[in-house]
Every structure is written in structure tokens, then in C-alpha cells.
Amino acid sequence: MSGVEKITVDEFRARLDAQGVSGRTHKAFKCPMCGTVQSMQTLIDAGAGPDEASAEKYIGFSCVGRFTGAGSPRKEPDGKPCNWTLGGLFRLHKLEVQTPDGEYHPHFEVATPDEAVALEKAGAR
């Protein structure tokens, strides 16, 4: 897939650390299809699980809209949730993270520090 950014786990973690949010549940990502900025806390709040352990498998892989009854992605990203998830037939992600074994894994983009902080301040616990 062309146009996919490939980074190491260390770079991935550094980008998350640079967000400056209050904790792990507020590390934020952007859905590649709708542009929604979301965190583990927004997934928990949407019903992806009662706690961090339950929601962890969805973060950066499934849009929060899958848990709120949102529809399919629109033609242009609009910042409203959709029902997209990675790992299906269509490979439309923009980021892959390389694990120490050399494998690349699709992932939602890491949100910018401003986006992550704004999401946390907007009310995600």
C-alpha cells in the first residue's frame, strides 16, 4: 500500500508520550476514514468495555462509532464517528507500526498533542 507511513514501536511510543495527556486512557488516535479523534476513554464511554483492559483491544484499530451505532464512513472525513475497523478486506490505513520481530501492523494515526489535549479537556474522563 503506497502512502502508508511506517514507524517503529519506539517512535510510536514517543509520539504518544509527546501528547502530554494525563494518562494512558487519554492517549489519542484518529480514525483514517472519518478523522474522529478518540482515546481509550472515549471507547470505554461509548461502551467498548467497562474498563481499560476491555477497551484496549479496540484502541487505534476500531472507530468509536462501532460502539455508538454510527454508519459507514462518508466520502470525505468529517470528524463524526463511523463504523470502520482495520484488518478487513480494504486496507485504507495511513500508519503501520513495526514490532521488534520485523512485522508491520496497521494502526490509526497518532493524534497531535493539541488534538489529544483538546479531547481530554472536552470531557473524556
C-alpha atoms as a PDB file:
ATOM      1  CA  MET A   1       0.000   0.000   0.000  1.00  0.00           C
ATOM      2  CA  SER A   2       1.552   3.299  -1.025  1.00  0.00           C
ATOM      3  CA  GLY A   3       1.359   6.401   1.120  1.00  0.00           C
ATOM      4  CA  VAL A   4       1.479   4.466   4.379  1.00  0.00           C
ATOM      5  CA  GLU A   5       3.857   5.820   6.997  1.00  0.00           C
ATOM      6  CA  LYS A   6       5.906   3.080   8.654  1.00  0.00           C
ATOM      7  CA  ILE A   7       7.383   3.681  12.094  1.00  0.00           C
ATOM      8  CA  THR A   8       8.955   1.615  14.860  1.00  0.00           C
ATOM      9  CA  VAL A   9       7.292   0.833  18.174  1.00  0.00           C
ATOM     10  CA  ASP A  10       9.744   3.235  19.833  1.00  0.00           C
ATOM     11  CA  GLU A  11       8.711   6.100  17.521  1.00  0.00           C
ATOM     12  CA  PHE A  12       5.055   5.205  18.087  1.00  0.00           C
ATOM     13  CA  ARG A  13       5.511   5.378  21.866  1.00  0.00           C
ATOM     14  CA  ALA A  14       7.451   8.652  21.596  1.00  0.00           C
ATOM     15  CA  ARG A  15       4.580  10.242  19.650  1.00  0.00           C
ATOM     16  CA  LEU A  16       2.107   9.097  22.280  1.00  0.00           C
ATOM     17  CA  ASP A  17       4.295  10.393  25.119  1.00  0.00           C
ATOM     18  CA  ALA A  18       4.565  13.753  23.344  1.00  0.00           C
ATOM     19  CA  GLN A  19       0.786  14.224  23.572  1.00  0.00           C
ATOM     20  CA  GLY A  20       1.111  15.404  27.169  1.00  0.00           C
ATOM     21  CA  VAL A  21      -2.215  13.986  28.366  1.00  0.00           C
ATOM     22  CA  SER A  22      -2.888  12.897  31.930  1.00  0.00           C
ATOM     23  CA  GLY A  23      -2.712   9.152  31.465  1.00  0.00           C
ATOM     24  CA  ARG A  24      -2.752   6.111  29.245  1.00  0.00           C
ATOM     25  CA  THR A  25      -6.514   6.150  28.701  1.00  0.00           C
ATOM     26  CA  HIS A  26      -6.254   9.630  27.152  1.00  0.00           C
ATOM     27  CA  LYS A  27      -3.629   8.792  24.516  1.00  0.00           C
ATOM     28  CA  ALA A  28      -5.439   9.725  21.314  1.00  0.00           C
ATOM     29  CA  PHE A  29      -5.697   8.445  17.745  1.00  0.00           C
ATOM     30  CA  LYS A  30      -7.512   9.472  14.554  1.00  0.00           C
ATOM     31  CA  CYS A  31      -9.707   7.167  12.525  1.00  0.00           C
ATOM     32  CA  PRO A  32      -8.325   7.122   8.955  1.00  0.00           C
ATOM     33  CA  MET A  33     -11.819   7.115   7.461  1.00  0.00           C
ATOM     34  CA  CYS A  34     -13.756   9.787   9.379  1.00  0.00           C
ATOM     35  CA  GLY A  35     -10.988  11.720  11.139  1.00  0.00           C
ATOM     36  CA  THR A  36     -12.555  11.322  14.592  1.00  0.00           C
ATOM     37  CA  VAL A  37     -10.049  11.833  17.393  1.00  0.00           C
ATOM     38  CA  GLN A  38     -10.592   9.178  20.034  1.00  0.00           C
ATOM     39  CA  SER A  39      -8.946   7.638  23.070  1.00  0.00           C
ATOM     40  CA  MET A  40      -9.340   4.532  25.153  1.00  0.00           C
ATOM     41  CA  GLN A  41     -11.523   6.601  27.474  1.00  0.00           C
ATOM     42  CA  THR A  42     -13.872   7.586  24.652  1.00  0.00           C
ATOM     43  CA  LEU A  43     -14.132   3.911  23.696  1.00  0.00           C
ATOM     44  CA  ILE A  44     -14.962   2.978  27.310  1.00  0.00           C
ATOM     45  CA  ASP A  45     -17.524   5.783  27.475  1.00  0.00           C
ATOM     46  CA  ALA A  46     -19.077   4.541  24.210  1.00  0.00           C
ATOM     47  CA  GLY A  47     -19.496   1.017  25.548  1.00  0.00           C
ATOM     48  CA  ALA A  48     -16.442  -0.794  24.164  1.00  0.00           C
ATOM     49  CA  GLY A  49     -15.892  -2.234  27.612  1.00  0.00           C
ATOM     50  CA  PRO A  50     -16.286  -1.428  31.261  1.00  0.00           C
ATOM     51  CA  ASP A  51     -12.604  -0.742  31.750  1.00  0.00           C
ATOM     52  CA  GLU A  52      -9.204  -0.199  30.183  1.00  0.00           C
ATOM     53  CA  ALA A  53      -8.474  -3.912  29.808  1.00  0.00           C
ATOM     54  CA  SER A  54     -11.662  -4.458  27.809  1.00  0.00           C
ATOM     55  CA  ALA A  55     -11.249  -1.442  25.528  1.00  0.00           C
ATOM     56  CA  GLU A  56      -7.541  -1.914  24.895  1.00  0.00           C
ATOM     57  CA  LYS A  57      -8.062  -4.326  22.001  1.00  0.00           C
ATOM     58  CA  TYR A  58     -10.023  -1.690  20.069  1.00  0.00           C
ATOM     59  CA  ILE A  59      -7.866   1.410  20.514  1.00  0.00           C
ATOM     60  CA  GLY A  60      -6.252   2.535  17.288  1.00  0.00           C
ATOM     61  CA  PHE A  61      -7.981  -0.275  15.401  1.00  0.00           C
ATOM     62  CA  SER A  62     -11.769   0.262  15.595  1.00  0.00           C
ATOM     63  CA  CYS A  63     -13.536   3.608  15.352  1.00  0.00           C
ATOM     64  CA  VAL A  64     -15.566   4.661  18.381  1.00  0.00           C
ATOM     65  CA  GLY A  65     -18.587   4.787  16.071  1.00  0.00           C
ATOM     66  CA  ARG A  66     -18.711   0.976  16.053  1.00  0.00           C
ATOM     67  CA  PHE A  67     -19.940   1.232  19.638  1.00  0.00           C
ATOM     68  CA  THR A  68     -22.365   4.129  19.179  1.00  0.00           C
ATOM     69  CA  GLY A  69     -24.302   2.833  16.185  1.00  0.00           C
ATOM     70  CA  ALA A  70     -22.635   5.144  13.660  1.00  0.00           C
ATOM     71  CA  GLY A  71     -22.941   4.400   9.976  1.00  0.00           C
ATOM     72  CA  SER A  72     -20.348   3.864   7.287  1.00  0.00           C
ATOM     73  CA  PRO A  73     -17.653   6.437   6.605  1.00  0.00           C
ATOM     74  CA  ARG A  74     -18.664   9.360   4.398  1.00  0.00           C
ATOM     75  CA  LYS A  75     -16.893  10.248   1.157  1.00  0.00           C
ATOM     76  CA  GLU A  76     -14.818  12.892   2.954  1.00  0.00           C
ATOM     77  CA  PRO A  77     -13.654  12.696   6.580  1.00  0.00           C
ATOM     78  CA  ASP A  78     -15.913  14.922   8.660  1.00  0.00           C
ATOM     79  CA  GLY A  79     -14.800  14.265  12.237  1.00  0.00           C
ATOM     80  CA  LYS A  80     -18.012  12.411  13.107  1.00  0.00           C
ATOM     81  CA  PRO A  81     -17.565   8.751  14.125  1.00  0.00           C
ATOM     82  CA  CYS A  82     -18.068   5.885  11.697  1.00  0.00           C
ATOM     83  CA  ASN A  83     -18.176   2.112  11.951  1.00  0.00           C
ATOM     84  CA  TRP A  84     -14.725   1.466  10.424  1.00  0.00           C
ATOM     85  CA  THR A  85     -12.255  -1.095  11.685  1.00  0.00           C
ATOM     86  CA  LEU A  86      -8.846  -2.118  10.385  1.00  0.00           C
ATOM     87  CA  GLY A  87      -7.980  -5.641   9.399  1.00  0.00           C
ATOM     88  CA  GLY A  88     -10.731  -6.162   6.861  1.00  0.00           C
ATOM     89  CA  LEU A  89     -10.629  -6.502   3.111  1.00  0.00           C
ATOM     90  CA  PHE A  90      -9.892  -2.813   2.469  1.00  0.00           C
ATOM     91  CA  ARG A  91      -6.514  -1.535   3.603  1.00  0.00           C
ATOM     92  CA  LEU A  92      -7.073   2.200   3.828  1.00  0.00           C
ATOM     93  CA  HIS A  93      -4.994   2.996   6.914  1.00  0.00           C
ATOM     94  CA  LYS A  94      -2.219   5.598   6.900  1.00  0.00           C
ATOM     95  CA  LEU A  95       0.134   4.180   9.553  1.00  0.00           C
ATOM     96  CA  GLU A  96       1.884   0.885  10.221  1.00  0.00           C
ATOM     97  CA  VAL A  97       3.891   0.158  13.335  1.00  0.00           C
ATOM     98  CA  GLN A  98       6.839  -2.212  13.119  1.00  0.00           C
ATOM     99  CA  THR A  99       7.220  -4.559  16.066  1.00  0.00           C
ATOM    100  CA  PRO A 100      10.629  -5.892  17.175  1.00  0.00           C
ATOM    101  CA  ASP A 101      10.037  -9.105  15.182  1.00  0.00           C
ATOM    102  CA  GLY A 102      10.019  -7.003  11.988  1.00  0.00           C
ATOM    103  CA  GLU A 103       6.287  -7.331  11.335  1.00  0.00           C
ATOM    104  CA  TYR A 104       4.201  -4.283  10.376  1.00  0.00           C
ATOM    105  CA  HIS A 105       0.764  -3.764  11.898  1.00  0.00           C
ATOM    106  CA  PRO A 106      -1.893  -1.303  10.662  1.00  0.00           C
ATOM    107  CA  HIS A 107      -2.881   1.350  13.157  1.00  0.00           C
ATOM    108  CA  PHE A 108      -4.892   4.568  13.343  1.00  0.00           C
ATOM    109  CA  GLU A 109      -2.722   7.677  13.145  1.00  0.00           C
ATOM    110  CA  VAL A 110      -1.440   9.105  16.394  1.00  0.00           C
ATOM    111  CA  ALA A 111      -3.298  12.350  17.153  1.00  0.00           C
ATOM    112  CA  THR A 112      -1.296  15.539  17.563  1.00  0.00           C
ATOM    113  CA  PRO A 113      -0.617  16.805  21.076  1.00  0.00           C
ATOM    114  CA  ASP A 114      -3.169  19.619  20.545  1.00  0.00           C
ATOM    115  CA  GLU A 115      -5.829  17.139  19.405  1.00  0.00           C
ATOM    116  CA  ALA A 116      -5.169  14.782  22.328  1.00  0.00           C
ATOM    117  CA  VAL A 117      -5.274  17.559  24.931  1.00  0.00           C
ATOM    118  CA  ALA A 118      -8.446  19.014  23.407  1.00  0.00           C
ATOM    119  CA  LEU A 119     -10.144  15.612  23.520  1.00  0.00           C
ATOM    120  CA  GLU A 120      -9.219  15.142  27.164  1.00  0.00           C
ATOM    121  CA  LYS A 121     -10.438  18.649  28.069  1.00  0.00           C
ATOM    122  CA  ALA A 122     -13.689  18.082  26.143  1.00  0.00           C
ATOM    123  CA  GLY A 123     -14.807  15.620  28.746  1.00  0.00           C
ATOM    124  CA  ALA A 124     -13.304  12.208  28.337  1.00  0.00           C
ATOM    125  CA  ARG A 125     -12.800  11.169  31.946  1.00  0.00           C
END
